[in-house]
Every structure is written in C-alpha cells, then in structure tokens.
C-alpha cells in the first residue's frame, strides 16, 4: 500500500503538467518575436494585447510569418496554435485558433482576426 501511494504521487506531476511542443522549423515562438522597428513594436504589442483580451496563453502560439502589406497599410501576423502540431491524439485539437491578426498602422489598432 505504501508503494502504491509513492507511485501515484510520482505519476501525479507529469499528468498535470503541460506538454512541451518543440518549435516547428521556420517558425518563431510568438512571445519571443524580436521586433526591430518602431512599427513592428507597436504592432506586436497590439497583437499581444489582443490575444490577452481573448484570454489566450501567448506561450501556446507560433509566429509563421509577419509583414507589412504596403498596399492596404495593414501589418499581418500569421499565428498558429501549438495544438496544430500535437503528437498525441489525447490532446485537444485547437487548430481553429490559427489565423491572421491585422494591425492597421493608420488607426494604430487591431482591426480584424481572420481564421485560417
């Protein structure tokens, strides 16, 4: 009985912990994006605030691409949720959270989120 209790205590830690997903090739962890220009910094801060307002964990997102569309004046962040790359079928697939965040440089705010 004593050994059973010890085994259950040792197994309780890994069961409750979040699974660490390695960063896929060609992507950046969203939280570690290194904005270099003032525009990138403003757009990134607005995107982070948008995700936090949606009660999302920034550590669960990868940045697939980001760029400024000069014709529309929108800065785009294409993000992917970590569950898109799940290894176990026991993990909930939240790939519906993948999408593009659009930041309008003239209005200085997030204008839309488009699911992909």
PDB file of N, CA and C in Angstrom:
ATOM      1  N   UNK A   1       0.822  -1.196   0.000  1.00  0.00           N
ATOM      2  CA  UNK A   1       0.000   0.000   0.000  1.00  0.00           C
ATOM      3  C   UNK A   1       0.868   1.263   0.000  1.00  0.00           C
ATOM      4  N   UNK A   2       1.951   1.185   0.766  1.00  0.00           N
ATOM      5  CA  UNK A   2       2.861   2.323   0.847  1.00  0.00           C
ATOM      6  C   UNK A   2       3.499   2.586  -0.528  1.00  0.00           C
ATOM      7  N   UNK A   3       3.862   1.519  -1.246  1.00  0.00           N
ATOM      8  CA  UNK A   3       4.485   1.676  -2.562  1.00  0.00           C
ATOM      9  C   UNK A   3       3.496   2.189  -3.600  1.00  0.00           C
ATOM     10  N   UNK A   4       2.269   1.796  -3.481  1.00  0.00           N
ATOM     11  CA  UNK A   4       1.247   2.284  -4.387  1.00  0.00           C
ATOM     12  C   UNK A   4       1.054   3.797  -4.223  1.00  0.00           C
ATOM     13  N   UNK A   5       1.077   4.269  -2.994  1.00  0.00           N
ATOM     14  CA  UNK A   5       0.942   5.699  -2.731  1.00  0.00           C
ATOM     15  C   UNK A   5       2.123   6.472  -3.309  1.00  0.00           C
ATOM     16  N   UNK A   6       3.319   5.930  -3.199  1.00  0.00           N
ATOM     17  CA  UNK A   6       4.518   6.593  -3.734  1.00  0.00           C
ATOM     18  C   UNK A   6       4.444   6.667  -5.258  1.00  0.00           C
ATOM     19  N   UNK A   7       4.021   5.580  -5.898  1.00  0.00           N
ATOM     20  CA  UNK A   7       3.908   5.564  -7.356  1.00  0.00           C
ATOM     21  C   UNK A   7       2.863   6.582  -7.819  1.00  0.00           C
ATOM     22  N   UNK A   8       1.739   6.659  -7.138  1.00  0.00           N
ATOM     23  CA  UNK A   8       0.703   7.623  -7.505  1.00  0.00           C
ATOM     24  C   UNK A   8       1.172   9.063  -7.343  1.00  0.00           C
ATOM     25  N   UNK A   9       1.948   9.318  -6.320  1.00  0.00           N
ATOM     26  CA  UNK A   9       2.490  10.666  -6.117  1.00  0.00           C
ATOM     27  C   UNK A   9       3.468  11.024  -7.235  1.00  0.00           C
ATOM     28  N   UNK A  10       4.303  10.077  -7.643  1.00  0.00           N
ATOM     29  CA  UNK A  10       5.263  10.334  -8.705  1.00  0.00           C
ATOM     30  C   UNK A  10       4.583  10.529 -10.063  1.00  0.00           C
ATOM     31  N   UNK A  11       3.483   9.841 -10.298  1.00  0.00           N
ATOM     32  CA  UNK A  11       2.778   9.972 -11.565  1.00  0.00           C
ATOM     33  C   UNK A  11       1.891  11.210 -11.634  1.00  0.00           C
ATOM     34  N   UNK A  12       1.543  11.765 -10.499  1.00  0.00           N
ATOM     35  CA  UNK A  12       0.641  12.911 -10.469  1.00  0.00           C
ATOM     36  C   UNK A  12       1.269  14.151 -11.118  1.00  0.00           C
ATOM     37  N   UNK A  13       2.567  14.335 -10.985  1.00  0.00           N
ATOM     38  CA  UNK A  13       3.248  15.503 -11.558  1.00  0.00           C
ATOM     39  C   UNK A  13       3.176  15.543 -13.072  1.00  0.00           C
ATOM     40  N   UNK A  14       3.603  14.496 -13.773  1.00  0.00           N
ATOM     41  CA  UNK A  14       3.556  14.533 -15.243  1.00  0.00           C
ATOM     42  C   UNK A  14       2.147  14.586 -15.813  1.00  0.00           C
ATOM     43  N   UNK A  15       1.184  14.067 -15.126  1.00  0.00           N
ATOM     44  CA  UNK A  15      -0.184  14.084 -15.631  1.00  0.00           C
ATOM     45  C   UNK A  15      -0.728  15.506 -15.655  1.00  0.00           C
ATOM     46  N   UNK A  16      -0.407  16.313 -14.676  1.00  0.00           N
ATOM     47  CA  UNK A  16      -0.935  17.670 -14.591  1.00  0.00           C
ATOM     48  C   UNK A  16      -0.123  18.679 -15.389  1.00  0.00           C
ATOM     49  N   UNK A  17       1.103  18.374 -15.725  1.00  0.00           N
ATOM     50  CA  UNK A  17       1.954  19.365 -16.379  1.00  0.00           C
ATOM     51  C   UNK A  17       1.585  19.529 -17.851  1.00  0.00           C
ATOM     52  N   UNK A  18       1.843  20.734 -18.399  1.00  0.00           N
ATOM     53  CA  UNK A  18       1.611  20.995 -19.813  1.00  0.00           C
ATOM     54  C   UNK A  18       2.696  20.319 -20.621  1.00  0.00           C
ATOM     55  N   UNK A  19       2.304  19.811 -21.765  1.00  0.00           N
ATOM     56  CA  UNK A  19       3.264  19.157 -22.653  1.00  0.00           C
ATOM     57  C   UNK A  19       4.046  20.231 -23.405  1.00  0.00           C
ATOM     58  N   UNK A  20       5.335  20.050 -23.494  1.00  0.00           N
ATOM     59  CA  UNK A  20       6.183  20.999 -24.206  1.00  0.00           C
ATOM     60  C   UNK A  20       6.293  20.541 -25.651  1.00  0.00           C
ATOM     61  N   UNK A  21       5.923  21.419 -26.572  1.00  0.00           N
ATOM     62  CA  UNK A  21       5.981  21.112 -28.000  1.00  0.00           C
ATOM     63  C   UNK A  21       7.187  21.834 -28.570  1.00  0.00           C
ATOM     64  N   UNK A  22       8.096  21.111 -29.229  1.00  0.00           N
ATOM     65  CA  UNK A  22       9.236  21.808 -29.830  1.00  0.00           C
ATOM     66  C   UNK A  22       8.777  22.745 -30.938  1.00  0.00           C
ATOM     67  N   UNK A  23       9.480  23.837 -31.114  1.00  0.00           N
ATOM     68  CA  UNK A  23       9.108  24.838 -32.117  1.00  0.00           C
ATOM     69  C   UNK A  23       9.347  24.255 -33.508  1.00  0.00           C
ATOM     70  N   UNK A  24       8.318  24.252 -34.359  1.00  0.00           N
ATOM     71  CA  UNK A  24       8.473  23.723 -35.718  1.00  0.00           C
ATOM     72  C   UNK A  24       9.474  24.556 -36.528  1.00  0.00           C
ATOM     73  N   UNK A  25      10.083  23.916 -37.509  1.00  0.00           N
ATOM     74  CA  UNK A  25      11.057  24.603 -38.362  1.00  0.00           C
ATOM     75  C   UNK A  25      10.425  25.781 -39.085  1.00  0.00           C
ATOM     76  N   UNK A  26      11.138  26.873 -39.129  1.00  0.00           N
ATOM     77  CA  UNK A  26      10.682  28.056 -39.849  1.00  0.00           C
ATOM     78  C   UNK A  26       9.735  28.946 -39.062  1.00  0.00           C
ATOM     79  N   UNK A  27       9.441  28.598 -37.828  1.00  0.00           N
ATOM     80  CA  UNK A  27       8.529  29.404 -37.015  1.00  0.00           C
ATOM     81  C   UNK A  27       9.264  29.947 -35.803  1.00  0.00           C
ATOM     82  N   UNK A  28       8.649  30.938 -35.194  1.00  0.00           N
ATOM     83  CA  UNK A  28       9.173  31.575 -34.000  1.00  0.00           C
ATOM     84  C   UNK A  28       8.116  31.490 -32.921  1.00  0.00           C
ATOM     85  N   UNK A  29       8.543  31.236 -31.701  1.00  0.00           N
ATOM     86  CA  UNK A  29       7.584  31.306 -30.602  1.00  0.00           C
ATOM     87  C   UNK A  29       7.050  32.730 -30.561  1.00  0.00           C
ATOM     88  N   UNK A  30       5.734  32.868 -30.470  1.00  0.00           N
ATOM     89  CA  UNK A  30       5.123  34.206 -30.565  1.00  0.00           C
ATOM     90  C   UNK A  30       5.677  35.155 -29.513  1.00  0.00           C
ATOM     91  N   UNK A  31       5.849  34.673 -28.300  1.00  0.00           N
ATOM     92  CA  UNK A  31       6.319  35.530 -27.212  1.00  0.00           C
ATOM     93  C   UNK A  31       7.758  35.984 -27.415  1.00  0.00           C
ATOM     94  N   UNK A  32       8.532  35.256 -28.245  1.00  0.00           N
ATOM     95  CA  UNK A  32       9.954  35.602 -28.411  1.00  0.00           C
ATOM     96  C   UNK A  32      10.237  36.391 -29.692  1.00  0.00           C
ATOM     97  N   UNK A  33       9.185  36.887 -30.355  1.00  0.00           N
ATOM     98  CA  UNK A  33       9.383  37.680 -31.559  1.00  0.00           C
ATOM     99  C   UNK A  33      10.216  38.907 -31.225  1.00  0.00           C
ATOM    100  N   UNK A  34      11.236  39.164 -32.035  1.00  0.00           N
ATOM    101  CA  UNK A  34      12.151  40.273 -31.792  1.00  0.00           C
ATOM    102  C   UNK A  34      11.824  41.412 -32.759  1.00  0.00           C
ATOM    103  N   UNK A  35      10.991  42.329 -32.315  1.00  0.00           N
ATOM    104  CA  UNK A  35      10.610  43.483 -33.143  1.00  0.00           C
ATOM    105  C   UNK A  35      11.771  44.462 -33.201  1.00  0.00           C
ATOM    106  N   UNK A  36      12.090  44.905 -34.415  1.00  0.00           N
ATOM    107  CA  UNK A  36      13.248  45.772 -34.583  1.00  0.00           C
ATOM    108  C   UNK A  36      12.871  47.237 -34.813  1.00  0.00           C
ATOM    109  N   UNK A  37      11.797  47.495 -35.529  1.00  0.00           N
ATOM    110  CA  UNK A  37      11.414  48.869 -35.823  1.00  0.00           C
ATOM    111  C   UNK A  37      10.294  49.321 -34.885  1.00  0.00           C
ATOM    112  N   UNK A  38      10.064  50.613 -34.867  1.00  0.00           N
ATOM    113  CA  UNK A  38       9.003  51.160 -34.012  1.00  0.00           C
ATOM    114  C   UNK A  38       7.627  50.644 -34.449  1.00  0.00           C
ATOM    115  N   UNK A  39       7.424  50.521 -35.764  1.00  0.00           N
ATOM    116  CA  UNK A  39       6.164  49.997 -36.277  1.00  0.00           C
ATOM    117  C   UNK A  39       5.945  48.550 -35.830  1.00  0.00           C
ATOM    118  N   UNK A  40       6.990  47.722 -35.949  1.00  0.00           N
ATOM    119  CA  UNK A  40       6.884  46.325 -35.508  1.00  0.00           C
ATOM    120  C   UNK A  40       6.582  46.236 -34.022  1.00  0.00           C
ATOM    121  N   UNK A  41       7.207  47.089 -33.243  1.00  0.00           N
ATOM    122  CA  UNK A  41       6.989  47.070 -31.797  1.00  0.00           C
ATOM    123  C   UNK A  41       5.545  47.412 -31.471  1.00  0.00           C
ATOM    124  N   UNK A  42       4.999  48.462 -32.116  1.00  0.00           N
ATOM    125  CA  UNK A  42       3.602  48.848 -31.877  1.00  0.00           C
ATOM    126  C   UNK A  42       2.643  47.744 -32.308  1.00  0.00           C
ATOM    127  N   UNK A  43       2.899  47.166 -33.481  1.00  0.00           N
ATOM    128  CA  UNK A  43       2.021  46.116 -33.995  1.00  0.00           C
ATOM    129  C   UNK A  43       2.084  44.870 -33.108  1.00  0.00           C
ATOM    130  N   UNK A  44       3.267  44.508 -32.661  1.00  0.00           N
ATOM    131  CA  UNK A  44       3.420  43.325 -31.817  1.00  0.00           C
ATOM    132  C   UNK A  44       2.759  43.525 -30.453  1.00  0.00           C
ATOM    133  N   UNK A  45       2.928  44.693 -29.869  1.00  0.00           N
ATOM    134  CA  UNK A  45       2.291  44.980 -28.580  1.00  0.00           C
ATOM    135  C   UNK A  45       0.763  44.940 -28.713  1.00  0.00           C
ATOM    136  N   UNK A  46       0.240  45.465 -29.820  1.00  0.00           N
ATOM    137  CA  UNK A  46      -1.210  45.428 -30.036  1.00  0.00           C
ATOM    138  C   UNK A  46      -1.694  43.991 -30.232  1.00  0.00           C
ATOM    139  N   UNK A  47      -0.920  43.173 -30.940  1.00  0.00           N
ATOM    140  CA  UNK A  47      -1.297  41.767 -31.148  1.00  0.00           C
ATOM    141  C   UNK A  47      -1.271  40.999 -29.831  1.00  0.00           C
ATOM    142  N   UNK A  48      -0.259  41.267 -29.001  1.00  0.00           N
ATOM    143  CA  UNK A  48      -0.202  40.607 -27.689  1.00  0.00           C
ATOM    144  C   UNK A  48      -1.394  41.013 -26.833  1.00  0.00           C
ATOM    145  N   UNK A  49      -1.729  42.291 -26.833  1.00  0.00           N
ATOM    146  CA  UNK A  49      -2.867  42.769 -26.052  1.00  0.00           C
ATOM    147  C   UNK A  49      -4.169  42.148 -26.561  1.00  0.00           C
ATOM    148  N   UNK A  50      -4.292  42.001 -27.874  1.00  0.00           N
ATOM    149  CA  UNK A  50      -5.492  41.388 -28.446  1.00  0.00           C
ATOM    150  C   UNK A  50      -5.641  39.949 -27.954  1.00  0.00           C
ATOM    151  N   UNK A  51      -4.559  39.179 -27.998  1.00  0.00           N
ATOM    152  CA  UNK A  51      -4.636  37.780 -27.554  1.00  0.00           C
ATOM    153  C   UNK A  51      -4.913  37.686 -26.060  1.00  0.00           C
ATOM    154  N   UNK A  52      -4.323  38.595 -25.279  1.00  0.00           N
ATOM    155  CA  UNK A  52      -4.589  38.586 -23.838  1.00  0.00           C
ATOM    156  C   UNK A  52      -6.041  38.938 -23.548  1.00  0.00           C
ATOM    157  N   UNK A  53      -6.623  39.854 -24.312  1.00  0.00           N
ATOM    158  CA  UNK A  53      -8.039  40.195 -24.143  1.00  0.00           C
ATOM    159  C   UNK A  53      -8.948  39.027 -24.499  1.00  0.00           C
ATOM    160  N   UNK A  54      -8.469  38.129 -25.353  1.00  0.00           N
ATOM    161  CA  UNK A  54      -9.221  36.927 -25.726  1.00  0.00           C
ATOM    162  C   UNK A  54      -8.949  35.775 -24.750  1.00  0.00           C
ATOM    163  N   UNK A  55      -8.238  36.064 -23.658  1.00  0.00           N
ATOM    164  CA  UNK A  55      -7.865  35.071 -22.635  1.00  0.00           C
ATOM    165  C   UNK A  55      -7.058  33.917 -23.218  1.00  0.00           C
ATOM    166  N   UNK A  56      -6.140  34.231 -24.108  1.00  0.00           N
ATOM    167  CA  UNK A  56      -5.273  33.233 -24.724  1.00  0.00           C
ATOM    168  C   UNK A  56      -3.896  33.265 -24.078  1.00  0.00           C
ATOM    169  N   UNK A  57      -3.268  32.098 -24.023  1.00  0.00           N
ATOM    170  CA  UNK A  57      -1.922  31.966 -23.483  1.00  0.00           C
ATOM    171  C   UNK A  57      -0.923  32.202 -24.617  1.00  0.00           C
ATOM    172  N   UNK A  58      -0.113  33.239 -24.515  1.00  0.00           N
ATOM    173  CA  UNK A  58       0.834  33.582 -25.586  1.00  0.00           C
ATOM    174  C   UNK A  58       1.860  32.482 -25.819  1.00  0.00           C
ATOM    175  N   UNK A  59       2.131  31.677 -24.807  1.00  0.00           N
ATOM    176  CA  UNK A  59       3.113  30.603 -24.942  1.00  0.00           C
ATOM    177  C   UNK A  59       2.620  29.475 -25.841  1.00  0.00           C
ATOM    178  N   UNK A  60       1.363  29.470 -26.181  1.00  0.00           N
ATOM    179  CA  UNK A  60       0.789  28.394 -26.996  1.00  0.00           C
ATOM    180  C   UNK A  60       0.707  28.761 -28.480  1.00  0.00           C
ATOM    181  N   UNK A  61       1.327  29.865 -28.877  1.00  0.00           N
ATOM    182  CA  UNK A  61       1.245  30.304 -30.265  1.00  0.00           C
ATOM    183  C   UNK A  61       2.629  30.400 -30.898  1.00  0.00           C
ATOM    184  N   UNK A  62       2.664  30.087 -32.202  1.00  0.00           N
ATOM    185  CA  UNK A  62       3.867  30.256 -33.015  1.00  0.00           C
ATOM    186  C   UNK A  62       3.585  31.305 -34.071  1.00  0.00           C
ATOM    187  N   UNK A  63       4.612  32.036 -34.439  1.00  0.00           N
ATOM    188  CA  UNK A  63       4.504  33.055 -35.479  1.00  0.00           C
ATOM    189  C   UNK A  63       5.034  32.451 -36.770  1.00  0.00           C
ATOM    190  N   UNK A  64       4.133  32.234 -37.735  1.00  0.00           N
ATOM    191  CA  UNK A  64       4.517  31.629 -39.010  1.00  0.00           C
ATOM    192  C   UNK A  64       5.099  32.678 -39.956  1.00  0.00           C
ATOM    193  N   UNK A  65       4.470  33.859 -40.003  1.00  0.00           N
ATOM    194  CA  UNK A  65       5.000  34.939 -40.835  1.00  0.00           C
ATOM    195  C   UNK A  65       4.447  36.272 -40.350  1.00  0.00           C
ATOM    196  N   UNK A  66       5.164  37.306 -40.659  1.00  0.00           N
ATOM    197  CA  UNK A  66       4.737  38.664 -40.337  1.00  0.00           C
ATOM    198  C   UNK A  66       5.327  39.616 -41.362  1.00  0.00           C
ATOM    199  N   UNK A  67       4.499  40.536 -41.825  1.00  0.00           N
ATOM    200  CA  UNK A  67       4.989  41.530 -42.772  1.00  0.00           C
ATOM    201  C   UNK A  67       3.987  42.664 -42.898  1.00  0.00           C
ATOM    202  N   UNK A  68       4.447  43.749 -43.482  1.00  0.00           N
ATOM    203  CA  UNK A  68       3.622  44.920 -43.741  1.00  0.00           C
ATOM    204  C   UNK A  68       3.140  44.864 -45.178  1.00  0.00           C
ATOM    205  N   UNK A  69       1.828  44.887 -45.359  1.00  0.00           N
ATOM    206  CA  UNK A  69       1.239  44.974 -46.697  1.00  0.00           C
ATOM    207  C   UNK A  69       1.105  46.462 -47.018  1.00  0.00           C
ATOM    208  N   UNK A  70       1.967  46.950 -47.875  1.00  0.00           N
ATOM    209  CA  UNK A  70       2.059  48.378 -48.164  1.00  0.00           C
ATOM    210  C   UNK A  70       0.808  48.881 -48.883  1.00  0.00           C
ATOM    211  N   UNK A  71       0.188  48.045 -49.700  1.00  0.00           N
ATOM    212  CA  UNK A  71      -0.980  48.492 -50.469  1.00  0.00           C
ATOM    213  C   UNK A  71      -2.183  48.774 -49.578  1.00  0.00           C
ATOM    214  N   UNK A  72      -2.345  48.002 -48.494  1.00  0.00           N
ATOM    215  CA  UNK A  72      -3.501  48.196 -47.605  1.00  0.00           C
ATOM    216  C   UNK A  72      -3.145  48.941 -46.328  1.00  0.00           C
ATOM    217  N   UNK A  73      -1.870  49.010 -45.990  1.00  0.00           N
ATOM    218  CA  UNK A  73      -1.461  49.660 -44.745  1.00  0.00           C
ATOM    219  C   UNK A  73      -1.713  48.792 -43.517  1.00  0.00           C
ATOM    220  N   UNK A  74      -1.769  47.473 -43.725  1.00  0.00           N
ATOM    221  CA  UNK A  74      -2.003  46.547 -42.620  1.00  0.00           C
ATOM    222  C   UNK A  74      -0.755  45.713 -42.349  1.00  0.00           C
ATOM    223  N   UNK A  75      -0.414  45.610 -41.070  1.00  0.00           N
ATOM    224  CA  UNK A  75       0.680  44.730 -40.660  1.00  0.00           C
ATOM    225  C   UNK A  75       0.053  43.395 -40.285  1.00  0.00           C
ATOM    226  N   UNK A  76       0.567  42.311 -40.842  1.00  0.00           N
ATOM    227  CA  UNK A  76      -0.035  40.986 -40.661  1.00  0.00           C
ATOM    228  C   UNK A  76       0.837  40.092 -39.780  1.00  0.00           C
ATOM    229  N   UNK A  77       0.188  39.403 -38.852  1.00  0.00           N
ATOM    230  CA  UNK A  77       0.831  38.350 -38.059  1.00  0.00           C
ATOM    231  C   UNK A  77       0.059  37.063 -38.308  1.00  0.00           C
ATOM    232  N   UNK A  78       0.691  36.084 -38.944  1.00  0.00           N
ATOM    233  CA  UNK A  78       0.058  34.782 -39.138  1.00  0.00           C
ATOM    234  C   UNK A  78       0.505  33.891 -37.983  1.00  0.00           C
ATOM    235  N   UNK A  79      -0.441  33.528 -37.109  1.00  0.00           N
ATOM    236  CA  UNK A  79      -0.116  32.739 -35.923  1.00  0.00           C
ATOM    237  C   UNK A  79      -0.739  31.356 -36.014  1.00  0.00           C
ATOM    238  N   UNK A  80      -0.054  30.388 -35.381  1.00  0.00           N
ATOM    239  CA  UNK A  80      -0.552  29.016 -35.324  1.00  0.00           C
ATOM    240  C   UNK A  80      -0.528  28.553 -33.876  1.00  0.00           C
ATOM    241  N   UNK A  81      -1.567  27.854 -33.484  1.00  0.00           N
ATOM    242  CA  UNK A  81      -1.673  27.324 -32.123  1.00  0.00           C
ATOM    243  C   UNK A  81      -0.812  26.063 -32.022  1.00  0.00           C
ATOM    244  N   UNK A  82      -0.209  25.842 -30.857  1.00  0.00           N
ATOM    245  CA  UNK A  82       0.684  24.695 -30.677  1.00  0.00           C
ATOM    246  C   UNK A  82      -0.029  23.362 -30.837  1.00  0.00           C
ATOM    247  N   UNK A  83      -1.330  23.305 -30.604  1.00  0.00           N
ATOM    248  CA  UNK A  83      -2.052  22.038 -30.746  1.00  0.00           C
ATOM    249  C   UNK A  83      -2.135  21.588 -32.206  1.00  0.00           C
ATOM    250  N   UNK A  84      -1.809  22.458 -33.147  1.00  0.00           N
ATOM    251  CA  UNK A  84      -1.754  22.082 -34.556  1.00  0.00           C
ATOM    252  C   UNK A  84      -0.697  21.001 -34.761  1.00  0.00           C
ATOM    253  N   UNK A  85       0.336  21.017 -33.953  1.00  0.00           N
ATOM    254  CA  UNK A  85       1.456  20.085 -34.072  1.00  0.00           C
ATOM    255  C   UNK A  85       1.431  19.029 -32.977  1.00  0.00           C
ATOM    256  N   UNK A  86       0.246  18.693 -32.487  1.00  0.00           N
ATOM    257  CA  UNK A  86       0.115  17.732 -31.393  1.00  0.00           C
ATOM    258  C   UNK A  86       0.631  16.367 -31.804  1.00  0.00           C
ATOM    259  N   UNK A  87       1.226  15.684 -30.854  1.00  0.00           N
ATOM    260  CA  UNK A  87       1.762  14.356 -31.086  1.00  0.00           C
ATOM    261  C   UNK A  87       0.735  13.303 -30.665  1.00  0.00           C
ATOM    262  N   UNK A  88       0.086  13.551 -29.568  1.00  0.00           N
ATOM    263  CA  UNK A  88      -0.873  12.607 -29.011  1.00  0.00           C
ATOM    264  C   UNK A  88      -2.293  12.976 -29.441  1.00  0.00           C
ATOM    265  N   UNK A  89      -3.067  11.970 -29.772  1.00  0.00           N
ATOM    266  CA  UNK A  89      -4.470  12.197 -30.123  1.00  0.00           C
ATOM    267  C   UNK A  89      -5.306  12.493 -28.878  1.00  0.00           C
ATOM    268  N   UNK A  90      -4.721  12.326 -27.695  1.00  0.00           N
ATOM    269  CA  UNK A  90      -5.427  12.631 -26.455  1.00  0.00           C
ATOM    270  C   UNK A  90      -5.479  14.133 -26.184  1.00  0.00           C
ATOM    271  N   UNK A  91      -4.644  14.883 -26.863  1.00  0.00           N
ATOM    272  CA  UNK A  91      -4.623  16.335 -26.688  1.00  0.00           C
ATOM    273  C   UNK A  91      -5.711  16.970 -27.551  1.00  0.00           C
ATOM    274  N   UNK A  92      -6.360  17.955 -27.023  1.00  0.00           N
ATOM    275  CA  UNK A  92      -7.442  18.625 -27.745  1.00  0.00           C
ATOM    276  C   UNK A  92      -6.867  19.437 -28.910  1.00  0.00           C
ATOM    277  N   UNK A  93      -7.457  19.256 -30.079  1.00  0.00           N
ATOM    278  CA  UNK A  93      -7.031  19.992 -31.268  1.00  0.00           C
ATOM    279  C   UNK A  93      -7.684  21.368 -31.263  1.00  0.00           C
ATOM    280  N   UNK A  94      -6.852  22.398 -31.110  1.00  0.00           N
ATOM    281  CA  UNK A  94      -7.363  23.771 -31.112  1.00  0.00           C
ATOM    282  C   UNK A  94      -6.818  24.537 -32.315  1.00  0.00           C
ATOM    283  N   UNK A  95      -6.642  23.820 -33.424  1.00  0.00           N
ATOM    284  CA  UNK A  95      -6.093  24.466 -34.613  1.00  0.00           C
ATOM    285  C   UNK A  95      -7.047  25.496 -35.208  1.00  0.00           C
ATOM    286  N   UNK A  96      -8.302  25.514 -34.748  1.00  0.00           N
ATOM    287  CA  UNK A  96      -9.233  26.548 -35.209  1.00  0.00           C
ATOM    288  C   UNK A  96      -8.807  27.931 -34.722  1.00  0.00           C
ATOM    289  N   UNK A  97      -7.847  27.986 -33.810  1.00  0.00           N
ATOM    290  CA  UNK A  97      -7.351  29.268 -33.321  1.00  0.00           C
ATOM    291  C   UNK A  97      -6.250  29.832 -34.218  1.00  0.00           C
ATOM    292  N   UNK A  98      -5.860  29.089 -35.249  1.00  0.00           N
ATOM    293  CA  UNK A  98      -4.880  29.588 -36.210  1.00  0.00           C
ATOM    294  C   UNK A  98      -5.505  30.723 -37.004  1.00  0.00           C
ATOM    295  N   UNK A  99      -4.712  31.708 -37.342  1.00  0.00           N
ATOM    296  CA  UNK A  99      -5.269  32.795 -38.139  1.00  0.00           C
ATOM    297  C   UNK A  99      -4.305  33.948 -38.316  1.00  0.00           C
ATOM    298  N   UNK A 100      -4.832  35.005 -38.895  1.00  0.00           N
ATOM    299  CA  UNK A 100      -4.034  36.200 -39.183  1.00  0.00           C
ATOM    300  C   UNK A 100      -4.606  37.369 -38.385  1.00  0.00           C
ATOM    301  N   UNK A 101      -3.719  38.035 -37.658  1.00  0.00           N
ATOM    302  CA  UNK A 101      -4.077  39.246 -36.927  1.00  0.00           C
ATOM    303  C   UNK A 101      -3.649  40.429 -37.789  1.00  0.00           C
ATOM    304  N   UNK A 102      -4.587  41.335 -38.062  1.00  0.00           N
ATOM    305  CA  UNK A 102      -4.304  42.514 -38.881  1.00  0.00           C
ATOM    306  C   UNK A 102      -4.232  43.751 -37.992  1.00  0.00           C
ATOM    307  N   UNK A 103      -3.125  44.463 -38.102  1.00  0.00           N
ATOM    308  CA  UNK A 103      -2.904  45.713 -37.363  1.00  0.00           C
ATOM    309  C   UNK A 103      -2.891  46.856 -38.367  1.00  0.00           C
ATOM    310  N   UNK A 104      -3.786  47.813 -38.206  1.00  0.00           N
ATOM    311  CA  UNK A 104      -3.865  48.977 -39.096  1.00  0.00           C
ATOM    312  C   UNK A 104      -2.897  50.039 -38.589  1.00  0.00           C
ATOM    313  N   UNK A 105      -1.935  50.412 -39.423  1.00  0.00           N
ATOM    314  CA  UNK A 105      -0.917  51.370 -38.984  1.00  0.00           C
ATOM    315  C   UNK A 105      -1.472  52.791 -38.895  1.00  0.00           C
ATOM    316  N   UNK A 106      -2.545  53.092 -39.629  1.00  0.00           N
ATOM    317  CA  UNK A 106      -3.141  54.428 -39.568  1.00  0.00           C
ATOM    318  C   UNK A 106      -4.006  54.598 -38.320  1.00  0.00           C
ATOM    319  N   UNK A 107      -4.801  53.566 -38.004  1.00  0.00           N
ATOM    320  CA  UNK A 107      -5.682  53.627 -36.838  1.00  0.00           C
ATOM    321  C   UNK A 107      -4.970  53.239 -35.551  1.00  0.00           C
ATOM    322  N   UNK A 108      -3.778  52.620 -35.689  1.00  0.00           N
ATOM    323  CA  UNK A 108      -2.963  52.212 -34.547  1.00  0.00           C
ATOM    324  C   UNK A 108      -3.696  51.207 -33.644  1.00  0.00           C
ATOM    325  N   UNK A 109      -4.378  50.234 -34.279  1.00  0.00           N
ATOM    326  CA  UNK A 109      -5.071  49.203 -33.504  1.00  0.00           C
ATOM    327  C   UNK A 109      -5.311  47.971 -34.372  1.00  0.00           C
ATOM    328  N   UNK A 110      -5.665  46.873 -33.711  1.00  0.00           N
ATOM    329  CA  UNK A 110      -6.020  45.644 -34.390  1.00  0.00           C
ATOM    330  C   UNK A 110      -7.394  45.842 -35.026  1.00  0.00           C
ATOM    331  N   UNK A 111      -7.510  45.572 -36.314  1.00  0.00           N
ATOM    332  CA  UNK A 111      -8.780  45.791 -36.992  1.00  0.00           C
ATOM    333  C   UNK A 111      -9.560  44.491 -37.216  1.00  0.00           C
ATOM    334  N   UNK A 112      -8.845  43.359 -37.361  1.00  0.00           N
ATOM    335  CA  UNK A 112      -9.581  42.112 -37.508  1.00  0.00           C
ATOM    336  C   UNK A 112      -8.675  40.909 -37.266  1.00  0.00           C
ATOM    337  N   UNK A 113      -9.341  39.772 -37.010  1.00  0.00           N
ATOM    338  CA  UNK A 113      -8.670  38.493 -36.871  1.00  0.00           C
ATOM    339  C   UNK A 113      -9.366  37.542 -37.824  1.00  0.00           C
ATOM    340  N   UNK A 114      -8.614  36.984 -38.742  1.00  0.00           N
ATOM    341  CA  UNK A 114      -9.171  36.090 -39.756  1.00  0.00           C
ATOM    342  C   UNK A 114      -8.667  34.668 -39.518  1.00  0.00           C
ATOM    343  N   UNK A 115      -9.584  33.749 -39.251  1.00  0.00           N
ATOM    344  CA  UNK A 115      -9.203  32.354 -39.025  1.00  0.00           C
ATOM    345  C   UNK A 115      -8.738  31.701 -40.317  1.00  0.00           C
ATOM    346  N   UNK A 116      -7.735  30.843 -40.198  1.00  0.00           N
ATOM    347  CA  UNK A 116      -7.225  30.111 -41.364  1.00  0.00           C
ATOM    348  C   UNK A 116      -7.154  28.647 -41.057  1.00  0.00           C
TER     349      UNK A 116
END
